[in-house]
């Protein structure tokens, strides 16, 4: 991953999104167990949790894509592997 220049930024974004999701989830849980919570509190917290969850998923996808891209084979190697697969399939 050290070959990917955005790796530290992507990891920091993911960690920040995860922390925000946990913070919002704790607030929502506290509101759910509090008998004095108003319906308006839930609506805002559910919306905030949805946004936070979406941010976690998006930042994790970006992080995983960067990880996957850092392990791509060079085009020449990839093409050689395709040729080997074609040769193997004609032997049967």
Protein backbone atom coordinates (compact mmCIF):
# COMPACT_ATOMS: atom_id res chain seq x y z
CA UNK A 1 0.00 0.00 0.00
CA UNK A 2 2.94 2.33 0.42
CA UNK A 3 2.94 2.70 -3.39
CA UNK A 4 -0.49 4.34 -3.23
CA UNK A 5 0.00 8.03 -2.33
CA UNK A 6 -3.54 8.48 -0.99
CA UNK A 7 -3.34 5.50 1.41
CA UNK A 8 -2.84 7.54 4.63
CA UNK A 9 -5.59 9.97 3.69
CA UNK A 10 -8.02 7.18 2.83
CA UNK A 11 -7.28 5.38 6.08
CA UNK A 12 -7.76 8.59 8.10
CA UNK A 13 -11.06 9.26 6.30
CA UNK A 14 -12.28 5.74 7.07
CA UNK A 15 -11.29 5.96 10.72
CA UNK A 16 -12.98 9.36 11.04
CA UNK A 17 -16.17 8.10 9.42
CA UNK A 18 -16.19 5.08 11.71
CA UNK A 19 -15.73 7.26 14.80
CA UNK A 20 -18.60 9.51 13.69
CA UNK A 21 -20.85 6.49 13.11
CA UNK A 22 -20.05 5.16 16.58
CA UNK A 23 -20.72 8.58 18.13
CA UNK A 24 -24.08 8.94 16.40
CA UNK A 25 -25.04 5.34 17.22
CA UNK A 26 -24.30 5.95 20.91
CA UNK A 27 -26.47 9.07 20.85
CA UNK A 28 -29.29 7.17 19.13
CA UNK A 29 -29.04 4.31 21.62
CA UNK A 30 -29.16 6.75 24.53
CA UNK A 31 -32.25 8.41 23.05
CA UNK A 32 -33.94 5.04 22.53
CA UNK A 33 -33.51 4.02 26.18
CA UNK A 34 -34.50 7.45 27.53
CA UNK A 35 -38.26 7.45 28.19
CA UNK A 36 -38.31 11.26 27.92
CA UNK A 37 -37.02 11.35 24.33
CA UNK A 38 -39.25 13.07 21.81
CA UNK A 39 -40.15 11.66 18.39
CA UNK A 40 -38.30 14.58 16.75
CA UNK A 41 -35.09 13.45 18.46
CA UNK A 42 -35.36 10.03 16.82
CA UNK A 43 -35.99 11.39 13.35
CA UNK A 44 -32.86 13.54 13.39
CA UNK A 45 -30.74 10.79 14.95
CA UNK A 46 -31.93 8.16 12.47
CA UNK A 47 -31.06 10.52 9.61
CA UNK A 48 -27.65 11.27 11.14
CA UNK A 49 -26.94 7.56 11.62
CA UNK A 50 -27.90 6.87 8.01
CA UNK A 51 -25.51 9.57 6.75
CA UNK A 52 -22.74 8.31 9.04
CA UNK A 53 -23.26 4.70 7.95
CA UNK A 54 -23.15 5.74 4.28
CA UNK A 55 -19.92 7.65 4.93
CA UNK A 56 -18.37 4.53 6.52
CA UNK A 57 -19.35 2.36 3.56
CA UNK A 58 -18.10 4.88 0.99
CA UNK A 59 -14.79 5.50 2.74
CA UNK A 60 -14.25 1.74 3.22
CA UNK A 61 -14.94 1.12 -0.49
CA UNK A 62 -12.37 3.77 -1.42
CA UNK A 63 -9.85 2.26 0.96
CA UNK A 64 -10.41 -1.29 -0.31
CA UNK A 65 -10.23 -0.14 -3.95
CA UNK A 66 -6.87 1.53 -3.25
CA UNK A 67 -5.66 -1.68 -1.59
CA UNK A 68 -6.85 -3.79 -4.53
CA UNK A 69 -5.33 -1.42 -7.08
CA UNK A 70 -1.96 -1.55 -5.33
CA UNK A 71 -1.75 -5.30 -6.07
CA UNK A 72 -2.58 -5.17 -9.78
CA UNK A 73 -0.24 -7.07 -12.05
CA UNK A 74 1.52 -5.25 -14.85
CA UNK A 75 -0.36 -5.46 -18.16
CA UNK A 76 2.26 -7.73 -19.76
CA UNK A 77 1.99 -10.27 -16.96
CA UNK A 78 -1.79 -10.12 -17.03
CA UNK A 79 -1.85 -10.71 -20.79
CA UNK A 80 0.51 -13.68 -20.43
CA UNK A 81 -1.83 -15.22 -17.88
CA UNK A 82 -4.79 -14.76 -20.25
CA UNK A 83 -2.85 -16.53 -23.01
CA UNK A 84 -2.07 -19.43 -20.67
CA UNK A 85 -5.74 -19.78 -19.76
CA UNK A 86 -6.71 -19.88 -23.44
CA UNK A 87 -4.09 -22.57 -24.10
CA UNK A 88 -5.36 -24.64 -21.17
CA UNK A 89 -8.95 -24.45 -22.38
CA UNK A 90 -8.05 -25.77 -25.86
CA UNK A 91 -6.36 -28.88 -24.42
CA UNK A 92 -9.66 -30.36 -23.22
